[in-house]
Amino acid sequence: MSRTLRFLVLMVLLLALTTGVVLAQGATKRVGLVIRFADGRVHTEVVTVPADATVADVLQAAQVGVTLADTSWGPALCAIDNEGCTADNCFCDAQHYWAFFIQKDGAWTPASVGVGAYVPQDKEVVGFAWSGFDANYNPTVEPPFFTFAELITPAEIPEPMTLLLLGGGLAGLAGYVRRRRAA
């Protein structure tokens, strides 16, 4: 078997393996998360979750500790990184709660549903703030506003297909250099 044919067979096998890994992972989405704590600290990250994940799933997959309570209307957000209440007394603070926000038209909008009912889209940003409320029960504190593009870090890990293309290009370049030296 010639070197060229072996190289092509190897590339086809790598492509098949990589495609299998991508398909095995299933459909996913990336959701931006912005959290403002009572002391003013802000946590931001982009969380990868299954395509059908709710905001509760996003919180549980994030790099923060989350306490949820099972209620008759779905999961209730009690605490983030131990700020808030315990699951057995989720509404322990009568003056504060974790306000949940959705980005709409370039601004935060308080969510009208709970974290277990809202299914964010790919590249959507959701936010939380430990907040009080006004006479109409609207939150008085919002998280800082970030777009999805602002949350992406430049050093994100490339997708498997990107790695395959890079590896194939490097292998092709190595083959070209080898042939030039042999000639």
C-alpha atoms as a PDB file:
ATOM      1  CA  MET A   1       0.000   0.000   0.000  1.00  0.00           C
ATOM      2  CA  SER A   2       1.472   3.341  -1.012  1.00  0.00           C
ATOM      3  CA  ARG A   3       2.130   6.096   1.492  1.00  0.00           C
ATOM      4  CA  THR A   4      -0.481   8.323  -0.085  1.00  0.00           C
ATOM      5  CA  LEU A   5      -3.140   5.631   0.152  1.00  0.00           C
ATOM      6  CA  ARG A   6      -2.227   4.907   3.793  1.00  0.00           C
ATOM      7  CA  PHE A   7      -2.437   8.618   4.541  1.00  0.00           C
ATOM      8  CA  LEU A   8      -5.894   8.887   2.942  1.00  0.00           C
ATOM      9  CA  VAL A   9      -7.149   5.816   4.818  1.00  0.00           C
ATOM     10  CA  LEU A  10      -5.859   7.297   8.081  1.00  0.00           C
ATOM     11  CA  MET A  11      -7.577  10.637   7.396  1.00  0.00           C
ATOM     12  CA  VAL A  12     -10.895   8.898   6.599  1.00  0.00           C
ATOM     13  CA  LEU A  13     -10.653   6.906   9.851  1.00  0.00           C
ATOM     14  CA  LEU A  14      -9.911  10.060  11.855  1.00  0.00           C
ATOM     15  CA  LEU A  15     -12.857  11.835  10.239  1.00  0.00           C
ATOM     16  CA  ALA A  16     -15.168   8.896  11.001  1.00  0.00           C
ATOM     17  CA  LEU A  17     -14.022   8.722  14.635  1.00  0.00           C
ATOM     18  CA  THR A  18     -14.352  12.456  15.163  1.00  0.00           C
ATOM     19  CA  THR A  19     -17.783  12.563  13.556  1.00  0.00           C
ATOM     20  CA  GLY A  20     -18.866   9.682  15.802  1.00  0.00           C
ATOM     21  CA  VAL A  21     -17.728  11.582  18.893  1.00  0.00           C
ATOM     22  CA  VAL A  22     -19.628  14.701  17.815  1.00  0.00           C
ATOM     23  CA  LEU A  23     -22.801  12.713  17.100  1.00  0.00           C
ATOM     24  CA  ALA A  24     -22.506  10.800  20.376  1.00  0.00           C
ATOM     25  CA  GLN A  25     -22.413  14.069  22.296  1.00  0.00           C
ATOM     26  CA  GLY A  26     -25.894  14.933  21.000  1.00  0.00           C
ATOM     27  CA  ALA A  27     -27.284  18.374  20.380  1.00  0.00           C
ATOM     28  CA  THR A  28     -26.061  20.993  22.818  1.00  0.00           C
ATOM     29  CA  LYS A  29     -26.368  24.722  23.304  1.00  0.00           C
ATOM     30  CA  ARG A  30     -24.317  27.376  25.036  1.00  0.00           C
ATOM     31  CA  VAL A  31     -26.031  29.732  27.463  1.00  0.00           C
ATOM     32  CA  GLY A  32     -24.512  32.860  28.973  1.00  0.00           C
ATOM     33  CA  LEU A  33     -24.899  33.278  32.723  1.00  0.00           C
ATOM     34  CA  VAL A  34     -24.494  36.512  34.723  1.00  0.00           C
ATOM     35  CA  ILE A  35     -24.883  36.463  38.508  1.00  0.00           C
ATOM     36  CA  ARG A  36     -24.677  39.495  40.814  1.00  0.00           C
ATOM     37  CA  PHE A  37     -24.197  38.756  44.489  1.00  0.00           C
ATOM     38  CA  ALA A  38     -25.278  41.027  47.356  1.00  0.00           C
ATOM     39  CA  ASP A  39     -21.705  42.258  47.929  1.00  0.00           C
ATOM     40  CA  GLY A  40     -21.442  43.379  44.283  1.00  0.00           C
ATOM     41  CA  ARG A  41     -19.347  40.426  43.067  1.00  0.00           C
ATOM     42  CA  VAL A  42     -20.250  39.297  39.572  1.00  0.00           C
ATOM     43  CA  HIS A  43     -19.892  35.786  38.198  1.00  0.00           C
ATOM     44  CA  THR A  44     -20.050  35.276  34.434  1.00  0.00           C
ATOM     45  CA  GLU A  45     -19.638  32.156  32.355  1.00  0.00           C
ATOM     46  CA  VAL A  46     -20.834  30.351  29.269  1.00  0.00           C
ATOM     47  CA  VAL A  47     -22.393  26.990  30.129  1.00  0.00           C
ATOM     48  CA  THR A  48     -22.782  24.121  27.659  1.00  0.00           C
ATOM     49  CA  VAL A  49     -25.913  22.054  28.251  1.00  0.00           C
ATOM     50  CA  PRO A  50     -28.215  19.731  26.274  1.00  0.00           C
ATOM     51  CA  ALA A  51     -30.407  21.515  23.718  1.00  0.00           C
ATOM     52  CA  ASP A  52     -33.571  20.969  25.784  1.00  0.00           C
ATOM     53  CA  ALA A  53     -32.071  22.202  29.093  1.00  0.00           C
ATOM     54  CA  THR A  54     -33.932  24.645  31.307  1.00  0.00           C
ATOM     55  CA  VAL A  55     -32.351  27.495  33.259  1.00  0.00           C
ATOM     56  CA  ALA A  56     -32.347  25.220  36.319  1.00  0.00           C
ATOM     57  CA  ASP A  57     -30.189  22.789  34.301  1.00  0.00           C
ATOM     58  CA  VAL A  58     -27.889  25.662  33.270  1.00  0.00           C
ATOM     59  CA  LEU A  59     -27.419  26.672  36.911  1.00  0.00           C
ATOM     60  CA  GLN A  60     -26.655  23.092  37.952  1.00  0.00           C
ATOM     61  CA  ALA A  61     -24.075  22.755  35.157  1.00  0.00           C
ATOM     62  CA  ALA A  62     -22.427  26.091  36.011  1.00  0.00           C
ATOM     63  CA  GLN A  63     -19.314  26.534  38.123  1.00  0.00           C
ATOM     64  CA  VAL A  64     -21.298  27.796  41.112  1.00  0.00           C
ATOM     65  CA  GLY A  65     -22.992  25.983  43.940  1.00  0.00           C
ATOM     66  CA  VAL A  66     -26.772  25.986  43.540  1.00  0.00           C
ATOM     67  CA  THR A  67     -29.493  25.079  46.013  1.00  0.00           C
ATOM     68  CA  LEU A  68     -32.879  24.271  44.491  1.00  0.00           C
ATOM     69  CA  ALA A  69     -36.055  23.220  46.272  1.00  0.00           C
ATOM     70  CA  ASP A  70     -38.666  20.980  44.692  1.00  0.00           C
ATOM     71  CA  THR A  71     -42.027  22.719  44.821  1.00  0.00           C
ATOM     72  CA  SER A  72     -45.442  21.971  43.343  1.00  0.00           C
ATOM     73  CA  TRP A  73     -44.777  24.557  40.601  1.00  0.00           C
ATOM     74  CA  GLY A  74     -41.259  23.270  39.800  1.00  0.00           C
ATOM     75  CA  PRO A  75     -37.785  23.956  41.129  1.00  0.00           C
ATOM     76  CA  ALA A  76     -37.320  27.121  43.197  1.00  0.00           C
ATOM     77  CA  LEU A  77     -33.895  28.789  43.360  1.00  0.00           C
ATOM     78  CA  CYS A  78     -32.947  29.080  47.034  1.00  0.00           C
ATOM     79  CA  ALA A  79     -29.212  29.878  47.018  1.00  0.00           C
ATOM     80  CA  ILE A  80     -26.230  30.440  44.748  1.00  0.00           C
ATOM     81  CA  ASP A  81     -22.800  29.815  46.292  1.00  0.00           C
ATOM     82  CA  ASN A  82     -24.473  29.662  49.730  1.00  0.00           C
ATOM     83  CA  GLU A  83     -26.036  33.114  49.357  1.00  0.00           C
ATOM     84  CA  GLY A  84     -29.726  32.803  50.042  1.00  0.00           C
ATOM     85  CA  CYS A  85     -31.665  30.119  51.872  1.00  0.00           C
ATOM     86  CA  THR A  86     -31.513  26.372  52.399  1.00  0.00           C
ATOM     87  CA  ALA A  87     -33.656  23.973  50.382  1.00  0.00           C
ATOM     88  CA  ASP A  88     -35.819  23.090  53.392  1.00  0.00           C
ATOM     89  CA  ASN A  89     -36.570  26.802  54.005  1.00  0.00           C
ATOM     90  CA  CYS A  90     -36.196  28.283  50.528  1.00  0.00           C
ATOM     91  CA  PHE A  91     -38.047  31.508  51.300  1.00  0.00           C
ATOM     92  CA  CYS A  92     -36.348  32.257  54.630  1.00  0.00           C
ATOM     93  CA  ASP A  93     -35.592  35.914  53.776  1.00  0.00           C
ATOM     94  CA  ALA A  94     -38.831  37.874  53.440  1.00  0.00           C
ATOM     95  CA  GLN A  95     -36.978  40.891  52.001  1.00  0.00           C
ATOM     96  CA  HIS A  96     -34.721  39.268  49.352  1.00  0.00           C
ATOM     97  CA  TYR A  97     -34.750  36.576  46.711  1.00  0.00           C
ATOM     98  CA  TRP A  98     -32.804  35.473  43.643  1.00  0.00           C
ATOM     99  CA  ALA A  99     -34.364  37.575  40.887  1.00  0.00           C
ATOM    100  CA  PHE A 100     -34.206  35.839  37.491  1.00  0.00           C
ATOM    101  CA  PHE A 101     -33.751  37.921  34.319  1.00  0.00           C
ATOM    102  CA  ILE A 102     -33.892  37.293  30.578  1.00  0.00           C
ATOM    103  CA  GLN A 103     -32.308  39.562  27.983  1.00  0.00           C
ATOM    104  CA  LYS A 104     -34.804  41.171  25.608  1.00  0.00           C
ATOM    105  CA  ASP A 105     -34.203  44.057  23.226  1.00  0.00           C
ATOM    106  CA  GLY A 106     -30.804  44.889  24.724  1.00  0.00           C
ATOM    107  CA  ALA A 107     -31.968  45.053  28.352  1.00  0.00           C
ATOM    108  CA  TRP A 108     -32.797  42.795  31.288  1.00  0.00           C
ATOM    109  CA  THR A 109     -36.425  41.771  31.711  1.00  0.00           C
ATOM    110  CA  PRO A 110     -37.574  40.039  34.898  1.00  0.00           C
ATOM    111  CA  ALA A 111     -38.631  36.509  33.985  1.00  0.00           C
ATOM    112  CA  SER A 112     -42.319  35.732  34.244  1.00  0.00           C
ATOM    113  CA  VAL A 113     -41.690  31.998  34.776  1.00  0.00           C
ATOM    114  CA  GLY A 114     -39.444  29.996  37.062  1.00  0.00           C
ATOM    115  CA  VAL A 115     -36.010  28.532  36.365  1.00  0.00           C
ATOM    116  CA  GLY A 116     -37.497  25.092  35.709  1.00  0.00           C
ATOM    117  CA  ALA A 117     -39.976  26.339  33.116  1.00  0.00           C
ATOM    118  CA  TYR A 118     -37.801  28.558  30.944  1.00  0.00           C
ATOM    119  CA  VAL A 119     -35.788  26.886  28.151  1.00  0.00           C
ATOM    120  CA  PRO A 120     -33.173  29.370  26.864  1.00  0.00           C
ATOM    121  CA  GLN A 121     -32.055  29.355  23.254  1.00  0.00           C
ATOM    122  CA  ASP A 122     -28.491  28.744  22.085  1.00  0.00           C
ATOM    123  CA  LYS A 123     -26.336  31.818  22.833  1.00  0.00           C
ATOM    124  CA  GLU A 124     -28.996  33.422  25.012  1.00  0.00           C
ATOM    125  CA  VAL A 125     -27.931  35.146  28.245  1.00  0.00           C
ATOM    126  CA  VAL A 126     -29.802  34.793  31.547  1.00  0.00           C
ATOM    127  CA  GLY A 127     -29.086  36.698  34.720  1.00  0.00           C
ATOM    128  CA  PHE A 128     -29.610  36.557  38.465  1.00  0.00           C
ATOM    129  CA  ALA A 129     -29.317  39.111  41.246  1.00  0.00           C
ATOM    130  CA  TRP A 130     -29.816  38.815  44.998  1.00  0.00           C
ATOM    131  CA  SER A 131     -32.478  41.493  45.185  1.00  0.00           C
ATOM    132  CA  GLY A 132     -35.155  43.157  47.181  1.00  0.00           C
ATOM    133  CA  PHE A 133     -38.459  44.130  45.575  1.00  0.00           C
ATOM    134  CA  ASP A 134     -40.656  47.196  45.203  1.00  0.00           C
ATOM    135  CA  ALA A 135     -44.369  47.609  46.042  1.00  0.00           C
ATOM    136  CA  ASN A 136     -45.292  45.762  42.830  1.00  0.00           C
ATOM    137  CA  TYR A 137     -42.881  42.903  43.624  1.00  0.00           C
ATOM    138  CA  ASN A 138     -40.463  43.925  40.872  1.00  0.00           C
ATOM    139  CA  PRO A 139     -36.771  43.314  41.615  1.00  0.00           C
ATOM    140  CA  THR A 140     -34.786  46.354  42.726  1.00  0.00           C
ATOM    141  CA  VAL A 141     -31.341  45.021  41.698  1.00  0.00           C
ATOM    142  CA  GLU A 142     -30.268  43.791  38.264  1.00  0.00           C
ATOM    143  CA  PRO A 143     -27.118  41.974  37.190  1.00  0.00           C
ATOM    144  CA  PRO A 144     -24.720  43.926  34.971  1.00  0.00           C
ATOM    145  CA  PHE A 145     -25.576  43.611  31.288  1.00  0.00           C
ATOM    146  CA  PHE A 146     -23.343  41.458  29.079  1.00  0.00           C
ATOM    147  CA  THR A 147     -24.078  40.186  25.587  1.00  0.00           C
ATOM    148  CA  PHE A 148     -23.225  36.603  24.704  1.00  0.00           C
ATOM    149  CA  ALA A 149     -20.275  37.803  22.599  1.00  0.00           C
ATOM    150  CA  GLU A 150     -18.886  39.702  25.598  1.00  0.00           C
ATOM    151  CA  LEU A 151     -19.022  36.552  27.732  1.00  0.00           C
ATOM    152  CA  ILE A 152     -17.029  34.395  25.326  1.00  0.00           C
ATOM    153  CA  THR A 153     -13.399  34.107  26.330  1.00  0.00           C
ATOM    154  CA  PRO A 154     -10.797  34.100  23.558  1.00  0.00           C
ATOM    155  CA  ALA A 155      -9.278  30.856  24.836  1.00  0.00           C
ATOM    156  CA  GLU A 156     -12.337  28.657  24.358  1.00  0.00           C
ATOM    157  CA  ILE A 157     -11.530  25.066  23.479  1.00  0.00           C
ATOM    158  CA  PRO A 158     -12.017  24.362  19.766  1.00  0.00           C
ATOM    159  CA  GLU A 159     -14.679  21.937  18.614  1.00  0.00           C
ATOM    160  CA  PRO A 160     -13.588  18.435  17.482  1.00  0.00           C
ATOM    161  CA  MET A 161     -14.098  19.264  13.795  1.00  0.00           C
ATOM    162  CA  THR A 162     -11.811  22.280  14.140  1.00  0.00           C
ATOM    163  CA  LEU A 163      -9.146  20.057  15.656  1.00  0.00           C
ATOM    164  CA  LEU A 164      -9.617  17.551  12.827  1.00  0.00           C
ATOM    165  CA  LEU A 165      -9.169  20.255  10.190  1.00  0.00           C
ATOM    166  CA  LEU A 166      -6.071  21.575  11.940  1.00  0.00           C
ATOM    167  CA  GLY A 167      -4.617  18.057  12.282  1.00  0.00           C
ATOM    168  CA  GLY A 168      -5.370  17.247   8.646  1.00  0.00           C
ATOM    169  CA  GLY A 169      -3.701  20.446   7.499  1.00  0.00           C
ATOM    170  CA  LEU A 170      -0.613  19.773   9.584  1.00  0.00           C
ATOM    171  CA  ALA A 171      -0.434  16.181   8.309  1.00  0.00           C
ATOM    172  CA  GLY A 172      -0.733  17.413   4.721  1.00  0.00           C
ATOM    173  CA  LEU A 173       2.011  19.965   5.312  1.00  0.00           C
ATOM    174  CA  ALA A 174       4.272  17.289   6.822  1.00  0.00           C
ATOM    175  CA  GLY A 175       3.648  15.063   3.779  1.00  0.00           C
ATOM    176  CA  TYR A 176       4.489  17.903   1.423  1.00  0.00           C
ATOM    177  CA  VAL A 177       7.744  18.662   3.277  1.00  0.00           C
ATOM    178  CA  ARG A 178       8.685  14.976   3.261  1.00  0.00           C
ATOM    179  CA  ARG A 179       8.123  14.717  -0.520  1.00  0.00           C
ATOM    180  CA  ARG A 180      10.145  17.878  -1.186  1.00  0.00           C
ATOM    181  CA  ARG A 181      13.053  16.491   0.830  1.00  0.00           C
ATOM    182  CA  ALA A 182      12.871  13.121  -0.930  1.00  0.00           C
ATOM    183  CA  ALA A 183      12.944  14.724  -4.386  1.00  0.00           C
END
